[in-house]
Amino acid sequence: MMFTDDGSVDTEIFGKSLAERFKNLKTQKKVKEFFAKRRSYKRPDFNRMILDLSKIGWTHQKISFVLPVSGASTVSEWSRGGIPNYENGEALIQLWQSETGVERVPREGEWGTYQYKIGQLDLL
């Protein structure tokens, strides 16, 4: 048990009902699980997606015209490491998947772990 300096039981911790203390423990467990999942999460590699689209003939202007963004400079910023907001990122992922036919989304730091063919690379 937790005691205060004068020897009495700490009512801040043990003054709460058992249900409140259990709820706090469940919340702490969920927070720990969330942090563990966040450590292993890798965001999509938008630079690689834009590079793949450019290999099959898409320019930054074409990509910006299809996606709901202001211009080609926005797509250029993403190719240099900028992070699009959620809606634009999802739209870019869907465009990339529909044009390349690859279902797996490339993640940052995984460029050497898998390969796929883009465009007509196997014809030459």
N, C-alpha and C. Protein backbone atom coordinates (compact mmCIF):
# COMPACT_ATOMS: atom_id res chain seq x y z
N MET A 1 0.84 -1.18 0.00
CA MET A 1 0.00 0.00 0.00
C MET A 1 0.88 1.24 0.00
N MET A 2 0.32 2.30 -0.50
CA MET A 2 1.04 3.57 -0.55
C MET A 2 0.66 4.37 0.68
N PHE A 3 1.67 4.86 1.38
CA PHE A 3 1.45 5.64 2.59
C PHE A 3 1.99 7.05 2.38
N THR A 4 1.37 7.99 3.04
CA THR A 4 1.85 9.36 3.01
C THR A 4 2.93 9.53 4.07
N ASP A 5 3.47 10.73 4.17
CA ASP A 5 4.54 10.99 5.13
C ASP A 5 4.10 10.80 6.58
N ASP A 6 2.83 11.06 6.86
CA ASP A 6 2.36 10.92 8.24
C ASP A 6 1.92 9.50 8.58
N GLY A 7 2.06 8.54 7.63
CA GLY A 7 1.76 7.15 7.93
C GLY A 7 0.37 6.71 7.56
N SER A 8 -0.48 7.64 7.07
CA SER A 8 -1.83 7.24 6.69
C SER A 8 -1.84 6.75 5.23
N VAL A 9 -2.91 6.06 4.86
CA VAL A 9 -3.04 5.52 3.50
C VAL A 9 -3.30 6.67 2.54
N ASP A 10 -2.64 6.63 1.40
CA ASP A 10 -2.79 7.67 0.38
C ASP A 10 -4.18 7.56 -0.24
N THR A 11 -5.05 8.53 0.04
CA THR A 11 -6.43 8.48 -0.45
C THR A 11 -6.54 8.89 -1.91
N GLU A 12 -5.51 9.52 -2.45
CA GLU A 12 -5.56 9.90 -3.86
C GLU A 12 -5.56 8.66 -4.75
N ILE A 13 -4.82 7.64 -4.33
CA ILE A 13 -4.75 6.42 -5.11
C ILE A 13 -5.80 5.42 -4.64
N PHE A 14 -5.87 5.18 -3.34
CA PHE A 14 -6.74 4.13 -2.83
C PHE A 14 -8.11 4.64 -2.42
N GLY A 15 -8.36 5.92 -2.52
CA GLY A 15 -9.67 6.46 -2.19
C GLY A 15 -10.67 6.23 -3.31
N LYS A 16 -10.18 5.89 -4.49
CA LYS A 16 -11.07 5.64 -5.63
C LYS A 16 -11.64 4.25 -5.53
N SER A 17 -12.76 4.07 -6.20
CA SER A 17 -13.38 2.75 -6.18
C SER A 17 -12.56 1.77 -7.01
N LEU A 18 -12.82 0.52 -6.83
CA LEU A 18 -12.10 -0.52 -7.55
C LEU A 18 -12.34 -0.40 -9.05
N ALA A 19 -13.55 -0.05 -9.47
CA ALA A 19 -13.86 0.09 -10.89
C ALA A 19 -13.05 1.22 -11.53
N GLU A 20 -12.88 2.33 -10.80
CA GLU A 20 -12.10 3.45 -11.33
C GLU A 20 -10.63 3.07 -11.48
N ARG A 21 -10.11 2.35 -10.48
CA ARG A 21 -8.70 1.94 -10.57
C ARG A 21 -8.49 0.95 -11.72
N PHE A 22 -9.44 0.03 -11.94
CA PHE A 22 -9.35 -0.94 -13.02
C PHE A 22 -9.43 -0.24 -14.37
N LYS A 23 -10.31 0.76 -14.48
CA LYS A 23 -10.44 1.53 -15.72
C LYS A 23 -9.11 2.22 -16.03
N ASN A 24 -8.46 2.75 -15.03
CA ASN A 24 -7.18 3.41 -15.22
C ASN A 24 -6.12 2.41 -15.72
N LEU A 25 -6.14 1.20 -15.16
CA LEU A 25 -5.19 0.18 -15.60
C LEU A 25 -5.44 -0.22 -17.05
N LYS A 26 -6.73 -0.37 -17.43
CA LYS A 26 -7.06 -0.71 -18.81
C LYS A 26 -6.61 0.39 -19.76
N THR A 27 -6.78 1.65 -19.37
CA THR A 27 -6.37 2.77 -20.21
C THR A 27 -4.85 2.77 -20.37
N GLN A 28 -4.13 2.53 -19.28
CA GLN A 28 -2.67 2.47 -19.36
C GLN A 28 -2.22 1.35 -20.29
N LYS A 29 -2.91 0.21 -20.26
CA LYS A 29 -2.55 -0.90 -21.12
C LYS A 29 -2.77 -0.54 -22.59
N LYS A 30 -3.88 0.14 -22.89
CA LYS A 30 -4.16 0.56 -24.27
C LYS A 30 -3.12 1.56 -24.76
N VAL A 31 -2.71 2.46 -23.90
CA VAL A 31 -1.71 3.45 -24.27
C VAL A 31 -0.39 2.76 -24.58
N LYS A 32 0.01 1.79 -23.76
CA LYS A 32 1.24 1.06 -24.01
C LYS A 32 1.16 0.30 -25.32
N GLU A 33 0.02 -0.33 -25.61
CA GLU A 33 -0.14 -1.05 -26.88
C GLU A 33 -0.06 -0.09 -28.06
N PHE A 34 -0.67 1.09 -27.93
CA PHE A 34 -0.63 2.09 -28.98
C PHE A 34 0.81 2.52 -29.27
N PHE A 35 1.58 2.80 -28.22
CA PHE A 35 2.97 3.22 -28.40
C PHE A 35 3.81 2.11 -29.04
N ALA A 36 3.54 0.87 -28.68
CA ALA A 36 4.27 -0.26 -29.28
C ALA A 36 3.97 -0.37 -30.76
N LYS A 37 2.70 -0.20 -31.14
CA LYS A 37 2.34 -0.25 -32.56
C LYS A 37 2.92 0.93 -33.32
N ARG A 38 2.95 2.09 -32.69
CA ARG A 38 3.47 3.29 -33.36
C ARG A 38 4.96 3.17 -33.64
N ARG A 39 5.70 2.50 -32.76
CA ARG A 39 7.13 2.32 -32.98
C ARG A 39 7.41 1.51 -34.24
N SER A 40 6.57 0.53 -34.54
CA SER A 40 6.81 -0.33 -35.69
C SER A 40 6.14 0.18 -36.97
N TYR A 41 5.38 1.26 -36.89
CA TYR A 41 4.69 1.78 -38.07
C TYR A 41 5.67 2.49 -39.00
N LYS A 42 5.54 2.22 -40.28
CA LYS A 42 6.33 2.91 -41.30
C LYS A 42 5.36 3.58 -42.25
N ARG A 43 5.55 4.88 -42.47
CA ARG A 43 4.62 5.60 -43.33
C ARG A 43 4.87 5.23 -44.79
N PRO A 44 3.87 5.43 -45.65
CA PRO A 44 4.04 5.12 -47.07
C PRO A 44 5.18 5.93 -47.68
N ASP A 45 5.89 5.33 -48.62
CA ASP A 45 7.01 5.98 -49.29
C ASP A 45 6.47 6.74 -50.51
N PHE A 46 6.03 7.97 -50.29
CA PHE A 46 5.43 8.75 -51.36
C PHE A 46 6.45 9.09 -52.44
N ASN A 47 7.70 9.26 -52.06
CA ASN A 47 8.74 9.54 -53.04
C ASN A 47 8.85 8.39 -54.04
N ARG A 48 8.85 7.17 -53.55
CA ARG A 48 8.94 6.02 -54.44
C ARG A 48 7.71 5.90 -55.33
N MET A 49 6.54 6.20 -54.79
CA MET A 49 5.32 6.13 -55.60
C MET A 49 5.38 7.14 -56.74
N ILE A 50 5.83 8.36 -56.45
CA ILE A 50 5.93 9.38 -57.49
C ILE A 50 6.98 8.98 -58.51
N LEU A 51 8.08 8.39 -58.06
CA LEU A 51 9.12 7.91 -58.96
C LEU A 51 8.58 6.81 -59.87
N ASP A 52 7.82 5.87 -59.31
CA ASP A 52 7.23 4.80 -60.10
C ASP A 52 6.24 5.35 -61.13
N LEU A 53 5.43 6.32 -60.73
CA LEU A 53 4.49 6.93 -61.67
C LEU A 53 5.22 7.66 -62.79
N SER A 54 6.33 8.31 -62.46
CA SER A 54 7.09 9.01 -63.50
C SER A 54 7.73 8.02 -64.47
N LYS A 55 8.05 6.81 -64.02
CA LYS A 55 8.62 5.79 -64.91
C LYS A 55 7.62 5.32 -65.96
N ILE A 56 6.34 5.40 -65.65
CA ILE A 56 5.33 4.97 -66.62
C ILE A 56 4.67 6.14 -67.33
N GLY A 57 5.28 7.33 -67.23
CA GLY A 57 4.82 8.45 -68.04
C GLY A 57 4.04 9.54 -67.34
N TRP A 58 3.88 9.48 -66.06
CA TRP A 58 3.15 10.51 -65.33
C TRP A 58 4.11 11.62 -64.94
N THR A 59 3.77 12.84 -65.26
CA THR A 59 4.55 13.99 -64.81
C THR A 59 3.94 14.53 -63.52
N HIS A 60 4.64 15.43 -62.87
CA HIS A 60 4.11 16.04 -61.65
C HIS A 60 2.85 16.83 -61.96
N GLN A 61 2.79 17.44 -63.14
CA GLN A 61 1.58 18.18 -63.52
C GLN A 61 0.39 17.27 -63.69
N LYS A 62 0.58 16.11 -64.34
CA LYS A 62 -0.51 15.16 -64.51
C LYS A 62 -1.02 14.65 -63.17
N ILE A 63 -0.07 14.34 -62.28
CA ILE A 63 -0.46 13.84 -60.95
C ILE A 63 -1.25 14.90 -60.20
N SER A 64 -0.79 16.15 -60.26
CA SER A 64 -1.50 17.22 -59.54
C SER A 64 -2.85 17.52 -60.16
N PHE A 65 -2.99 17.29 -61.46
CA PHE A 65 -4.28 17.51 -62.12
C PHE A 65 -5.30 16.46 -61.67
N VAL A 66 -4.85 15.21 -61.52
CA VAL A 66 -5.76 14.12 -61.14
C VAL A 66 -6.09 14.19 -59.64
N LEU A 67 -5.09 14.52 -58.83
CA LEU A 67 -5.31 14.60 -57.39
C LEU A 67 -5.87 15.97 -57.01
N PRO A 68 -6.52 16.08 -55.87
CA PRO A 68 -7.07 17.37 -55.46
C PRO A 68 -6.02 18.27 -54.80
N VAL A 69 -4.96 18.63 -55.56
CA VAL A 69 -3.91 19.51 -55.02
C VAL A 69 -3.81 20.74 -55.91
N SER A 70 -3.12 21.77 -55.41
CA SER A 70 -3.09 23.05 -56.09
C SER A 70 -2.22 23.06 -57.34
N GLY A 71 -1.10 22.33 -57.33
CA GLY A 71 -0.25 22.36 -58.50
C GLY A 71 0.88 21.36 -58.44
N ALA A 72 1.72 21.40 -59.49
CA ALA A 72 2.82 20.47 -59.60
C ALA A 72 3.87 20.70 -58.52
N SER A 73 3.94 21.91 -57.99
CA SER A 73 4.93 22.18 -56.94
C SER A 73 4.62 21.38 -55.67
N THR A 74 3.36 21.10 -55.43
CA THR A 74 2.98 20.30 -54.27
C THR A 74 3.48 18.88 -54.43
N VAL A 75 3.30 18.32 -55.62
CA VAL A 75 3.78 16.96 -55.89
C VAL A 75 5.31 16.92 -55.83
N SER A 76 5.96 17.97 -56.31
CA SER A 76 7.42 18.04 -56.23
C SER A 76 7.89 18.06 -54.78
N GLU A 77 7.16 18.76 -53.95
CA GLU A 77 7.50 18.80 -52.52
C GLU A 77 7.38 17.41 -51.90
N TRP A 78 6.34 16.65 -52.28
CA TRP A 78 6.19 15.29 -51.77
C TRP A 78 7.35 14.41 -52.23
N SER A 79 7.81 14.61 -53.46
CA SER A 79 8.90 13.78 -53.97
C SER A 79 10.22 14.11 -53.28
N ARG A 80 10.32 15.29 -52.67
CA ARG A 80 11.53 15.67 -51.95
C ARG A 80 11.43 15.35 -50.46
N GLY A 81 10.36 14.69 -50.03
CA GLY A 81 10.26 14.28 -48.63
C GLY A 81 9.13 14.91 -47.86
N GLY A 82 8.34 15.77 -48.48
CA GLY A 82 7.20 16.36 -47.80
C GLY A 82 6.13 15.31 -47.54
N ILE A 83 5.28 15.58 -46.58
CA ILE A 83 4.23 14.63 -46.21
C ILE A 83 2.88 15.23 -46.59
N PRO A 84 2.13 14.55 -47.48
CA PRO A 84 0.80 15.05 -47.82
C PRO A 84 -0.17 14.82 -46.66
N ASN A 85 -1.26 15.61 -46.67
CA ASN A 85 -2.28 15.34 -45.65
C ASN A 85 -2.97 14.01 -45.97
N TYR A 86 -3.81 13.55 -45.08
CA TYR A 86 -4.37 12.20 -45.18
C TYR A 86 -5.12 11.98 -46.50
N GLU A 87 -5.99 12.92 -46.87
CA GLU A 87 -6.82 12.74 -48.07
C GLU A 87 -5.96 12.69 -49.32
N ASN A 88 -5.00 13.59 -49.43
CA ASN A 88 -4.14 13.61 -50.62
C ASN A 88 -3.23 12.38 -50.65
N GLY A 89 -2.77 11.95 -49.50
CA GLY A 89 -1.94 10.75 -49.44
C GLY A 89 -2.71 9.51 -49.86
N GLU A 90 -3.95 9.38 -49.39
CA GLU A 90 -4.79 8.25 -49.80
C GLU A 90 -5.07 8.29 -51.30
N ALA A 91 -5.33 9.48 -51.83
CA ALA A 91 -5.58 9.61 -53.27
C ALA A 91 -4.35 9.22 -54.08
N LEU A 92 -3.17 9.61 -53.62
CA LEU A 92 -1.93 9.24 -54.30
C LEU A 92 -1.71 7.74 -54.25
N ILE A 93 -1.98 7.13 -53.12
CA ILE A 93 -1.84 5.67 -52.99
C ILE A 93 -2.79 4.96 -53.94
N GLN A 94 -4.04 5.42 -54.02
CA GLN A 94 -5.01 4.79 -54.92
C GLN A 94 -4.62 4.97 -56.38
N LEU A 95 -4.12 6.15 -56.74
CA LEU A 95 -3.65 6.39 -58.11
C LEU A 95 -2.49 5.46 -58.42
N TRP A 96 -1.53 5.37 -57.51
CA TRP A 96 -0.36 4.51 -57.71
C TRP A 96 -0.77 3.05 -57.87
N GLN A 97 -1.69 2.59 -57.01
CA GLN A 97 -2.13 1.20 -57.09
C GLN A 97 -2.89 0.91 -58.38
N SER A 98 -3.72 1.85 -58.83
CA SER A 98 -4.47 1.61 -60.06
C SER A 98 -3.57 1.64 -61.29
N GLU A 99 -2.54 2.47 -61.29
CA GLU A 99 -1.66 2.57 -62.45
C GLU A 99 -0.60 1.48 -62.50
N THR A 100 -0.12 1.03 -61.36
CA THR A 100 0.93 0.02 -61.35
C THR A 100 0.40 -1.39 -61.22
N GLY A 101 -0.79 -1.55 -60.65
CA GLY A 101 -1.34 -2.88 -60.45
C GLY A 101 -0.77 -3.60 -59.25
N VAL A 102 0.00 -2.91 -58.43
CA VAL A 102 0.60 -3.50 -57.24
C VAL A 102 -0.30 -3.18 -56.05
N GLU A 103 -0.67 -4.20 -55.29
CA GLU A 103 -1.56 -3.99 -54.15
C GLU A 103 -0.80 -3.56 -52.90
N ARG A 104 0.45 -3.98 -52.76
CA ARG A 104 1.25 -3.67 -51.57
C ARG A 104 1.73 -2.24 -51.64
N VAL A 105 1.53 -1.48 -50.58
CA VAL A 105 1.97 -0.07 -50.53
C VAL A 105 3.42 -0.04 -50.09
N PRO A 106 4.31 0.63 -50.85
CA PRO A 106 5.70 0.71 -50.41
C PRO A 106 5.82 1.57 -49.15
N ARG A 107 6.61 1.10 -48.22
CA ARG A 107 6.82 1.80 -46.95
C ARG A 107 8.25 2.32 -46.89
N GLU A 108 8.45 3.39 -46.11
CA GLU A 108 9.79 3.96 -45.97
C GLU A 108 10.72 2.96 -45.32
N GLY A 109 11.93 2.86 -45.85
CA GLY A 109 12.93 1.96 -45.30
C GLY A 109 12.81 0.54 -45.79
N GLU A 110 11.85 0.24 -46.65
CA GLU A 110 11.67 -1.13 -47.14
C GLU A 110 12.02 -1.27 -48.62
N TRP A 111 12.69 -0.30 -49.21
CA TRP A 111 12.90 -0.32 -50.65
C TRP A 111 13.73 -1.51 -51.11
N GLY A 112 14.54 -2.09 -50.27
CA GLY A 112 15.36 -3.22 -50.68
C GLY A 112 14.77 -4.57 -50.32
N THR A 113 13.64 -4.60 -49.63
CA THR A 113 13.12 -5.87 -49.14
C THR A 113 12.19 -6.57 -50.12
N TYR A 114 11.69 -5.88 -51.13
CA TYR A 114 10.81 -6.51 -52.12
C TYR A 114 10.98 -5.79 -53.45
N GLN A 115 10.57 -6.45 -54.53
CA GLN A 115 10.68 -5.86 -55.86
C GLN A 115 9.39 -6.08 -56.62
N TYR A 116 9.11 -5.19 -57.56
CA TYR A 116 8.00 -5.34 -58.47
C TYR A 116 8.39 -4.66 -59.77
N LYS A 117 7.72 -5.03 -60.86
CA LYS A 117 8.04 -4.46 -62.16
C LYS A 117 7.04 -3.35 -62.46
N ILE A 118 7.58 -2.23 -62.90
CA ILE A 118 6.75 -1.08 -63.25
C ILE A 118 6.92 -0.80 -64.74
N GLY A 119 5.80 -0.60 -65.41
CA GLY A 119 5.85 -0.26 -66.84
C GLY A 119 6.28 -1.43 -67.69
N GLN A 120 7.05 -1.14 -68.73
CA GLN A 120 7.46 -2.16 -69.70
C GLN A 120 8.94 -2.49 -69.53
N LEU A 121 9.40 -2.59 -68.31
CA LEU A 121 10.81 -2.84 -68.05
C LEU A 121 11.26 -4.22 -68.53
N ASP A 122 10.35 -5.20 -68.55
CA ASP A 122 10.75 -6.55 -68.92
C ASP A 122 10.73 -6.79 -70.43
N LEU A 123 10.34 -5.82 -71.25
CA LEU A 123 10.30 -6.00 -72.69
C LEU A 123 11.67 -5.81 -73.34
N LEU A 124 12.54 -5.04 -72.73
CA LEU A 124 13.84 -4.75 -73.36
C LEU A 124 14.86 -5.79 -73.09
